Amino acid sequence: SHAVASSWVGRRAKTARGLASALYLWAYYFG
């Protein structure tokens, strides 16, 4: 699930990809 969801974030974000990845992982580790 994590591999699919994180890949989806990388494909979905068209700008500020570093921020998109960080928001995903912020939620991941905050959880």
Full PDB file with SEQRES, HELIX, SHEET, SSBOND, CRYST1, ORIGX, SCALE, CONECT and MASTER records, all heavy atoms in Angstrom:
SEQRES   1 A   31  SER HIS ALA VAL ALA SER SER TRP VAL GLY ARG ARG ALA          
SEQRES   2 A   31  LYS THR ALA ARG GLY LEU ALA SER ALA LEU TYR LEU TRP          
SEQRES   3 A   31  ALA TYR TYR PHE GLY                                          
HELIX    1 AA1 HIS A    2  ARG A   12  1                                  11    
HELIX    2 AA2 ARG A   17  PHE A   30  1                                  14    
CRYST1    1.000    1.000    1.000  90.00  90.00  90.00 P 1           1          
ORIGX1      1.000000  0.000000  0.000000        0.00000                         
ORIGX2      0.000000  1.000000  0.000000        0.00000                         
ORIGX3      0.000000  0.000000  1.000000        0.00000                         
SCALE1      1.000000  0.000000  0.000000        0.00000                         
SCALE2      0.000000  1.000000  0.000000        0.00000                         
SCALE3      0.000000  0.000000  1.000000        0.00000                         
ATOM      1  N   SER A   1       0.834  -1.208   0.000  1.00  0.00           N  
ATOM      2  CA  SER A   1       0.000   0.000   0.000  1.00  0.00           C  
ATOM      3  C   SER A   1       0.863   1.250   0.000  1.00  0.00           C  
ATOM      4  O   SER A   1       0.589   2.222  -0.721  1.00  0.00           O  
ATOM      5  CB  SER A   1      -0.914   0.006   1.231  1.00  0.00           C  
ATOM      6  OG  SER A   1      -1.763  -1.113   1.247  1.00  0.00           O  
ATOM      7  N   HIS A   2       1.906   1.241   0.805  1.00  0.00           N  
ATOM      8  CA  HIS A   2       2.805   2.395   0.888  1.00  0.00           C  
ATOM      9  C   HIS A   2       3.518   2.634  -0.434  1.00  0.00           C  
ATOM     10  O   HIS A   2       3.664   3.785  -0.885  1.00  0.00           O  
ATOM     11  CB  HIS A   2       3.807   2.164   2.014  1.00  0.00           C  
ATOM     12  CG  HIS A   2       4.856   3.210   2.142  1.00  0.00           C  
ATOM     13  ND1 HIS A   2       4.593   4.560   2.004  1.00  0.00           N  
ATOM     14  CD2 HIS A   2       6.192   3.118   2.402  1.00  0.00           C  
ATOM     15  CE1 HIS A   2       5.720   5.251   2.184  1.00  0.00           C  
ATOM     16  NE2 HIS A   2       6.689   4.386   2.405  1.00  0.00           N  
ATOM     17  N   ALA A   3       3.972   1.576  -1.089  1.00  0.00           N  
ATOM     18  CA  ALA A   3       4.656   1.726  -2.374  1.00  0.00           C  
ATOM     19  C   ALA A   3       3.733   2.348  -3.415  1.00  0.00           C  
ATOM     20  O   ALA A   3       4.130   3.241  -4.175  1.00  0.00           O  
ATOM     21  CB  ALA A   3       5.153   0.362  -2.861  1.00  0.00           C  
ATOM     22  N   VAL A   4       2.477   1.893  -3.438  1.00  0.00           N  
ATOM     23  CA  VAL A   4       1.518   2.427  -4.420  1.00  0.00           C  
ATOM     24  C   VAL A   4       1.157   3.870  -4.096  1.00  0.00           C  
ATOM     25  O   VAL A   4       1.164   4.742  -4.978  1.00  0.00           O  
ATOM     26  CB  VAL A   4       0.249   1.546  -4.466  1.00  0.00           C  
ATOM     27  CG1 VAL A   4      -0.792   2.162  -5.385  1.00  0.00           C  
ATOM     28  CG2 VAL A   4       0.598   0.133  -4.936  1.00  0.00           C  
ATOM     29  N   ALA A   5       0.851   4.145  -2.839  1.00  0.00           N  
ATOM     30  CA  ALA A   5       0.426   5.492  -2.459  1.00  0.00           C  
ATOM     31  C   ALA A   5       1.545   6.511  -2.661  1.00  0.00           C  
ATOM     32  O   ALA A   5       1.311   7.617  -3.159  1.00  0.00           O  
ATOM     33  CB  ALA A   5      -0.054   5.499  -1.006  1.00  0.00           C  
ATOM     34  N   SER A   6       2.775   6.163  -2.276  1.00  0.00           N  
ATOM     35  CA  SER A   6       3.885   7.103  -2.425  1.00  0.00           C  
ATOM     36  C   SER A   6       4.210   7.337  -3.898  1.00  0.00           C  
ATOM     37  O   SER A   6       4.535   8.456  -4.305  1.00  0.00           O  
ATOM     38  CB  SER A   6       5.119   6.594  -1.683  1.00  0.00           C  
ATOM     39  OG  SER A   6       5.507   5.320  -2.138  1.00  0.00           O  
ATOM     40  N   SER A   7       4.102   6.293  -4.708  1.00  0.00           N  
ATOM     41  CA  SER A   7       4.296   6.459  -6.146  1.00  0.00           C  
ATOM     42  C   SER A   7       3.219   7.372  -6.735  1.00  0.00           C  
ATOM     43  O   SER A   7       3.489   8.209  -7.606  1.00  0.00           O  
ATOM     44  CB  SER A   7       4.266   5.092  -6.835  1.00  0.00           C  
ATOM     45  OG  SER A   7       4.389   5.226  -8.225  1.00  0.00           O  
ATOM     46  N   TRP A   8       2.003   7.228  -6.252  1.00  0.00           N  
ATOM     47  CA  TRP A   8       0.887   8.064  -6.708  1.00  0.00           C  
ATOM     48  C   TRP A   8       1.146   9.534  -6.398  1.00  0.00           C  
ATOM     49  O   TRP A   8       0.889  10.419  -7.219  1.00  0.00           O  
ATOM     50  CB  TRP A   8      -0.405   7.595  -6.040  1.00  0.00           C  
ATOM     51  CG  TRP A   8      -1.661   7.980  -6.740  1.00  0.00           C  
ATOM     52  CD1 TRP A   8      -1.836   8.988  -7.658  1.00  0.00           C  
ATOM     53  CD2 TRP A   8      -2.931   7.347  -6.602  1.00  0.00           C  
ATOM     54  NE1 TRP A   8      -3.129   9.035  -8.086  1.00  0.00           N  
ATOM     55  CE2 TRP A   8      -3.833   8.032  -7.452  1.00  0.00           C  
ATOM     56  CE3 TRP A   8      -3.404   6.290  -5.841  1.00  0.00           C  
ATOM     57  CZ2 TRP A   8      -5.184   7.689  -7.556  1.00  0.00           C  
ATOM     58  CZ3 TRP A   8      -4.738   5.924  -5.937  1.00  0.00           C  
ATOM     59  CH2 TRP A   8      -5.620   6.631  -6.786  1.00  0.00           C  
ATOM     60  N   VAL A   9       1.685   9.813  -5.205  1.00  0.00           N  
ATOM     61  CA  VAL A   9       2.019  11.194  -4.851  1.00  0.00           C  
ATOM     62  C   VAL A   9       3.049  11.756  -5.824  1.00  0.00           C  
ATOM     63  O   VAL A   9       2.924  12.886  -6.311  1.00  0.00           O  
ATOM     64  CB  VAL A   9       2.541  11.276  -3.400  1.00  0.00           C  
ATOM     65  CG1 VAL A   9       3.113  12.665  -3.107  1.00  0.00           C  
ATOM     66  CG2 VAL A   9       1.426  10.955  -2.418  1.00  0.00           C  
ATOM     67  N   GLY A  10       4.101  10.966  -6.124  1.00  0.00           N  
ATOM     68  CA  GLY A  10       5.133  11.419  -7.044  1.00  0.00           C  
ATOM     69  C   GLY A  10       4.597  11.710  -8.427  1.00  0.00           C  
ATOM     70  O   GLY A  10       5.051  12.645  -9.097  1.00  0.00           O  
ATOM     71  N   ARG A  11       3.628  10.928  -8.873  1.00  0.00           N  
ATOM     72  CA  ARG A  11       3.047  11.146 -10.202  1.00  0.00           C  
ATOM     73  C   ARG A  11       2.020  12.275 -10.208  1.00  0.00           C  
ATOM     74  O   ARG A  11       1.895  12.999 -11.194  1.00  0.00           O  
ATOM     75  CB  ARG A  11       2.385   9.858 -10.690  1.00  0.00           C  
ATOM     76  CG  ARG A  11       3.344   8.700 -10.864  1.00  0.00           C  
ATOM     77  CD  ARG A  11       2.650   7.493 -11.461  1.00  0.00           C  
ATOM     78  NE  ARG A  11       3.506   6.312 -11.450  1.00  0.00           N  
ATOM     79  CZ  ARG A  11       3.232   5.198 -12.101  1.00  0.00           C  
ATOM     80  NH1 ARG A  11       2.144   5.096 -12.813  1.00  0.00           N  
ATOM     81  NH2 ARG A  11       4.051   4.170 -12.037  1.00  0.00           N  
ATOM     82  N   ARG A  12       1.292  12.400  -9.109  1.00  0.00           N  
ATOM     83  CA  ARG A  12       0.190  13.356  -9.065  1.00  0.00           C  
ATOM     84  C   ARG A  12       0.682  14.800  -8.937  1.00  0.00           C  
ATOM     85  O   ARG A  12       0.106  15.707  -9.532  1.00  0.00           O  
ATOM     86  CB  ARG A  12      -0.717  13.015  -7.883  1.00  0.00           C  
ATOM     87  CG  ARG A  12      -1.960  13.867  -7.781  1.00  0.00           C  
ATOM     88  CD  ARG A  12      -3.023  13.425  -8.740  1.00  0.00           C  
ATOM     89  NE  ARG A  12      -4.152  14.322  -8.751  1.00  0.00           N  
ATOM     90  CZ  ARG A  12      -5.244  14.164  -9.492  1.00  0.00           C  
ATOM     91  NH1 ARG A  12      -5.348  13.108 -10.294  1.00  0.00           N  
ATOM     92  NH2 ARG A  12      -6.233  15.032  -9.457  1.00  0.00           N  
ATOM     93  N   ALA A  13       1.737  15.011  -8.133  1.00  0.00           N  
ATOM     94  CA  ALA A  13       2.236  16.376  -7.894  1.00  0.00           C  
ATOM     95  C   ALA A  13       2.966  16.865  -9.137  1.00  0.00           C  
ATOM     96  O   ALA A  13       3.938  16.252  -9.573  1.00  0.00           O  
ATOM     97  CB  ALA A  13       3.155  16.384  -6.696  1.00  0.00           C  
ATOM     98  N   LYS A  14       2.500  17.967  -9.687  1.00  0.00           N  
ATOM     99  CA  LYS A  14       3.109  18.530 -10.883  1.00  0.00           C  
ATOM    100  C   LYS A  14       4.100  19.633 -10.554  1.00  0.00           C  
ATOM    101  O   LYS A  14       5.014  19.915 -11.325  1.00  0.00           O  
ATOM    102  CB  LYS A  14       2.024  19.078 -11.829  1.00  0.00           C  
ATOM    103  CG  LYS A  14       0.980  18.053 -12.230  1.00  0.00           C  
ATOM    104  CD  LYS A  14       1.596  16.816 -12.853  1.00  0.00           C  
ATOM    105  CE  LYS A  14       0.543  15.789 -13.239  1.00  0.00           C  
ATOM    106  NZ  LYS A  14       1.135  14.534 -13.740  1.00  0.00           N  
ATOM    107  N   THR A  15       3.923  20.301  -9.422  1.00  0.00           N  
ATOM    108  CA  THR A  15       4.846  21.335  -8.968  1.00  0.00           C  
ATOM    109  C   THR A  15       5.181  21.072  -7.501  1.00  0.00           C  
ATOM    110  O   THR A  15       4.466  20.339  -6.817  1.00  0.00           O  
ATOM    111  CB  THR A  15       4.221  22.738  -9.094  1.00  0.00           C  
ATOM    112  OG1 THR A  15       3.031  22.795  -8.276  1.00  0.00           O  
ATOM    113  CG2 THR A  15       3.862  23.041 -10.542  1.00  0.00           C  
ATOM    114  N   ALA A  16       6.276  21.685  -7.034  1.00  0.00           N  
ATOM    115  CA  ALA A  16       6.712  21.544  -5.631  1.00  0.00           C  
ATOM    116  C   ALA A  16       6.665  20.088  -5.192  1.00  0.00           C  
ATOM    117  O   ALA A  16       6.078  19.742  -4.171  1.00  0.00           O  
ATOM    118  CB  ALA A  16       5.857  22.411  -4.717  1.00  0.00           C  
ATOM    119  N   ARG A  17       7.305  19.234  -5.965  1.00  0.00           N  
ATOM    120  CA  ARG A  17       7.258  17.798  -5.668  1.00  0.00           C  
ATOM    121  C   ARG A  17       7.907  17.467  -4.333  1.00  0.00           C  
ATOM    122  O   ARG A  17       7.478  16.553  -3.625  1.00  0.00           O  
ATOM    123  CB  ARG A  17       7.955  17.024  -6.782  1.00  0.00           C  
ATOM    124  CG  ARG A  17       7.070  16.829  -8.009  1.00  0.00           C  
ATOM    125  CD  ARG A  17       7.824  16.158  -9.112  1.00  0.00           C  
ATOM    126  NE  ARG A  17       6.936  15.742 -10.176  1.00  0.00           N  
ATOM    127  CZ  ARG A  17       7.351  15.510 -11.427  1.00  0.00           C  
ATOM    128  NH1 ARG A  17       8.620  15.665 -11.740  1.00  0.00           N  
ATOM    129  NH2 ARG A  17       6.494  15.129 -12.352  1.00  0.00           N  
ATOM    130  N   GLY A  18       8.977  18.195  -3.995  1.00  0.00           N  
ATOM    131  CA  GLY A  18       9.603  17.959  -2.705  1.00  0.00           C  
ATOM    132  C   GLY A  18       8.642  18.215  -1.562  1.00  0.00           C  
ATOM    133  O   GLY A  18       8.588  17.467  -0.588  1.00  0.00           O  
ATOM    134  N   LEU A  19       7.838  19.269  -1.685  1.00  0.00           N  
ATOM    135  CA  LEU A  19       6.854  19.587  -0.654  1.00  0.00           C  
ATOM    136  C   LEU A  19       5.757  18.526  -0.611  1.00  0.00           C  
ATOM    137  O   LEU A  19       5.304  18.135   0.470  1.00  0.00           O  
ATOM    138  CB  LEU A  19       6.262  20.969  -0.909  1.00  0.00           C  
ATOM    139  CG  LEU A  19       5.216  21.460   0.090  1.00  0.00           C  
ATOM    140  CD1 LEU A  19       5.792  21.495   1.495  1.00  0.00           C  
ATOM    141  CD2 LEU A  19       4.703  22.838  -0.322  1.00  0.00           C  
ATOM    142  N   ALA A  20       5.307  18.065  -1.773  1.00  0.00           N  
ATOM    143  CA  ALA A  20       4.270  17.026  -1.811  1.00  0.00           C  
ATOM    144  C   ALA A  20       4.761  15.748  -1.138  1.00  0.00           C  
ATOM    145  O   ALA A  20       4.041  15.130  -0.344  1.00  0.00           O  
ATOM    146  CB  ALA A  20       3.869  16.741  -3.256  1.00  0.00           C  
ATOM    147  N   SER A  21       5.994  15.351  -1.442  1.00  0.00           N  
ATOM    148  CA  SER A  21       6.564  14.173  -0.815  1.00  0.00           C  
ATOM    149  C   SER A  21       6.674  14.359   0.689  1.00  0.00           C  
ATOM    150  O   SER A  21       6.397  13.442   1.471  1.00  0.00           O  
ATOM    151  CB  SER A  21       7.959  13.889  -1.393  1.00  0.00           C  
ATOM    152  OG  SER A  21       7.881  13.626  -2.779  1.00  0.00           O  
ATOM    153  N   ALA A  22       7.078  15.564   1.101  1.00  0.00           N  
ATOM    154  CA  ALA A  22       7.241  15.827   2.530  1.00  0.00           C  
ATOM    155  C   ALA A  22       5.910  15.806   3.258  1.00  0.00           C  
ATOM    156  O   ALA A  22       5.822  15.321   4.387  1.00  0.00           O  
ATOM    157  CB  ALA A  22       7.930  17.173   2.741  1.00  0.00           C  
ATOM    158  N   LEU A  23       4.859  16.321   2.641  1.00  0.00           N  
ATOM    159  CA  LEU A  23       3.545  16.302   3.272  1.00  0.00           C  
ATOM    160  C   LEU A  23       3.043  14.868   3.437  1.00  0.00           C  
ATOM    161  O   LEU A  23       2.454  14.514   4.466  1.00  0.00           O  
ATOM    162  CB  LEU A  23       2.551  17.128   2.443  1.00  0.00           C  
ATOM    163  CG  LEU A  23       2.752  18.639   2.486  1.00  0.00           C  
ATOM    164  CD1 LEU A  23       1.854  19.324   1.455  1.00  0.00           C  
ATOM    165  CD2 LEU A  23       2.480  19.191   3.876  1.00  0.00           C  
ATOM    166  N   TYR A  24       3.273  14.049   2.422  1.00  0.00           N  
ATOM    167  CA  TYR A  24       2.897  12.641   2.525  1.00  0.00           C  
ATOM    168  C   TYR A  24       3.660  11.973   3.668  1.00  0.00           C  
ATOM    169  O   TYR A  24       3.072  11.277   4.507  1.00  0.00           O  
ATOM    170  CB  TYR A  24       3.195  11.928   1.203  1.00  0.00           C  
ATOM    171  CG  TYR A  24       2.973  10.429   1.252  1.00  0.00           C  
ATOM    172  CD1 TYR A  24       1.709   9.889   1.024  1.00  0.00           C  
ATOM    173  CD2 TYR A  24       4.017   9.555   1.547  1.00  0.00           C  
ATOM    174  CE1 TYR A  24       1.501   8.516   1.084  1.00  0.00           C  
ATOM    175  CE2 TYR A  24       3.819   8.188   1.614  1.00  0.00           C  
ATOM    176  CZ  TYR A  24       2.564   7.672   1.379  1.00  0.00           C  
ATOM    177  OH  TYR A  24       2.364   6.317   1.447  1.00  0.00           O  
ATOM    178  N   LEU A  25       4.969  12.194   3.699  1.00  0.00           N  
ATOM    179  CA  LEU A  25       5.777  11.546   4.723  1.00  0.00           C  
ATOM    180  C   LEU A  25       5.593  12.173   6.096  1.00  0.00           C  
ATOM    181  O   LEU A  25       5.762  11.498   7.114  1.00  0.00           O  
ATOM    182  CB  LEU A  25       7.248  11.578   4.309  1.00  0.00           C  
ATOM    183  CG  LEU A  25       7.572  10.673   3.118  1.00  0.00           C  
ATOM    184  CD1 LEU A  25       9.000  10.906   2.639  1.00  0.00           C  
ATOM    185  CD2 LEU A  25       7.365   9.206   3.461  1.00  0.00           C  
ATOM    186  N   TRP A  26       5.242  13.470   6.131  1.00  0.00           N  
ATOM    187  CA  TRP A  26       4.887  14.076   7.415  1.00  0.00           C  
ATOM    188  C   TRP A  26       3.692  13.341   8.011  1.00  0.00           C  
ATOM    189  O   TRP A  26       3.695  12.979   9.189  1.00  0.00           O  
ATOM    190  CB  TRP A  26       4.539  15.549   7.237  1.00  0.00           C  
ATOM    191  CG  TRP A  26       3.914  16.137   8.466  1.00  0.00           C  
ATOM    192  CD1 TRP A  26       4.549  16.557   9.593  1.00  0.00           C  
ATOM    193  CD2 TRP A  26       2.508  16.319   8.705  1.00  0.00           C  
ATOM    194  NE1 TRP A  26       3.631  17.001  10.524  1.00  0.00           N  
ATOM    195  CE2 TRP A  26       2.371  16.864  10.003  1.00  0.00           C  
ATOM    196  CE3 TRP A  26       1.355  16.088   7.952  1.00  0.00           C  
ATOM    197  CZ2 TRP A  26       1.130  17.173  10.561  1.00  0.00           C  
ATOM    198  CZ3 TRP A  26       0.129  16.393   8.506  1.00  0.00           C  
ATOM    199  CH2 TRP A  26       0.022  16.930   9.784  1.00  0.00           C  
ATOM    200  N   ALA A  27       2.662  13.115   7.196  1.00  0.00           N  
ATOM    201  CA  ALA A  27       1.496  12.377   7.674  1.00  0.00           C  
ATOM    202  C   ALA A  27       1.885  10.954   8.078  1.00  0.00           C  
ATOM    203  O   ALA A  27       1.417  10.424   9.092  1.00  0.00           O  
ATOM    204  CB  ALA A  27       0.418  12.348   6.590  1.00  0.00           C  
ATOM    205  N   TYR A  28       2.755  10.360   7.303  1.00  0.00           N  
ATOM    206  CA  TYR A  28       3.212   8.976   7.531  1.00  0.00           C  
ATOM    207  C   TYR A  28       3.880   8.840   8.901  1.00  0.00           C  
ATOM    208  O   TYR A  28       3.495   7.988   9.718  1.00  0.00           O  
ATOM    209  CB  TYR A  28       4.184   8.656   6.400  1.00  0.00           C  
ATOM    210  CG  TYR A  28       4.754   7.270   6.329  1.00  0.00           C  
ATOM    211  CD1 TYR A  28       4.060   6.245   5.702  1.00  0.00           C  
ATOM    212  CD2 TYR A  28       6.033   6.991   6.806  1.00  0.00           C  
ATOM    213  CE1 TYR A  28       4.611   4.974   5.569  1.00  0.00           C  
ATOM    214  CE2 TYR A  28       6.589   5.724   6.679  1.00  0.00           C  
ATOM    215  CZ  TYR A  28       5.879   4.727   6.059  1.00  0.00           C  
ATOM    216  OH  TYR A  28       6.428   3.477   5.933  1.00  0.00           O  
ATOM    217  N   TYR A  29       4.845   9.679   9.179  1.00  0.00           N  
ATOM    218  CA  TYR A  29       5.576   9.574  10.444  1.00  0.00           C  
ATOM    219  C   TYR A  29       4.834  10.205  11.611  1.00  0.00           C  
ATOM    220  O   TYR A  29       5.025   9.789  12.755  1.00  0.00           O  
ATOM    221  CB  TYR A  29       6.979  10.168  10.292  1.00  0.00           C  
ATOM    222  CG  TYR A  29       7.820   9.351   9.362  1.00  0.00           C  
ATOM    223  CD1 TYR A  29       8.167   9.837   8.107  1.00  0.00           C  
ATOM    224  CD2 TYR A  29       8.230   8.066   9.707  1.00  0.00           C  
ATOM    225  CE1 TYR A  29       8.909   9.062   7.221  1.00  0.00           C  
ATOM    226  CE2 TYR A  29       8.976   7.294   8.835  1.00  0.00           C  
ATOM    227  CZ  TYR A  29       9.304   7.799   7.601  1.00  0.00           C  
ATOM    228  OH  TYR A  29      10.024   7.026   6.729  1.00  0.00           O  
ATOM    229  N   PHE A  30       4.004  11.182  11.331  1.00  0.00           N  
ATOM    230  CA  PHE A  30       3.181  11.744  12.395  1.00  0.00           C  
ATOM    231  C   PHE A  30       2.190  10.689  12.885  1.00  0.00           C  
ATOM    232  O   PHE A  30       1.929  10.564  14.080  1.00  0.00           O  
ATOM    233  CB  PHE A  30       2.441  12.987  11.892  1.00  0.00           C  
ATOM    234  CG  PHE A  30       1.870  13.835  12.988  1.00  0.00           C  
ATOM    235  CD1 PHE A  30       2.683  14.350  13.984  1.00  0.00           C  
ATOM    236  CD2 PHE A  30       0.516  14.138  13.017  1.00  0.00           C  
ATOM    237  CE1 PHE A  30       2.161  15.145  14.994  1.00  0.00           C  
ATOM    238  CE2 PHE A  30      -0.017  14.925  14.020  1.00  0.00           C  
ATOM    239  CZ  PHE A  30       0.812  15.433  15.020  1.00  0.00           C  
ATOM    240  N   GLY A  31       1.669   9.897  11.955  1.00  0.00           N  
ATOM    241  CA  GLY A  31       0.802   8.783  12.330  1.00  0.00           C  
ATOM    242  C   GLY A  31       1.546   7.771  13.174  1.00  0.00           C  
ATOM    243  O   GLY A  31       1.011   7.248  14.162  1.00  0.00           O  
TER     244      GLY A  31                                                      
MASTER        0    0    0    2    0    0    0    6  243    1    0    3          
END                                                                             
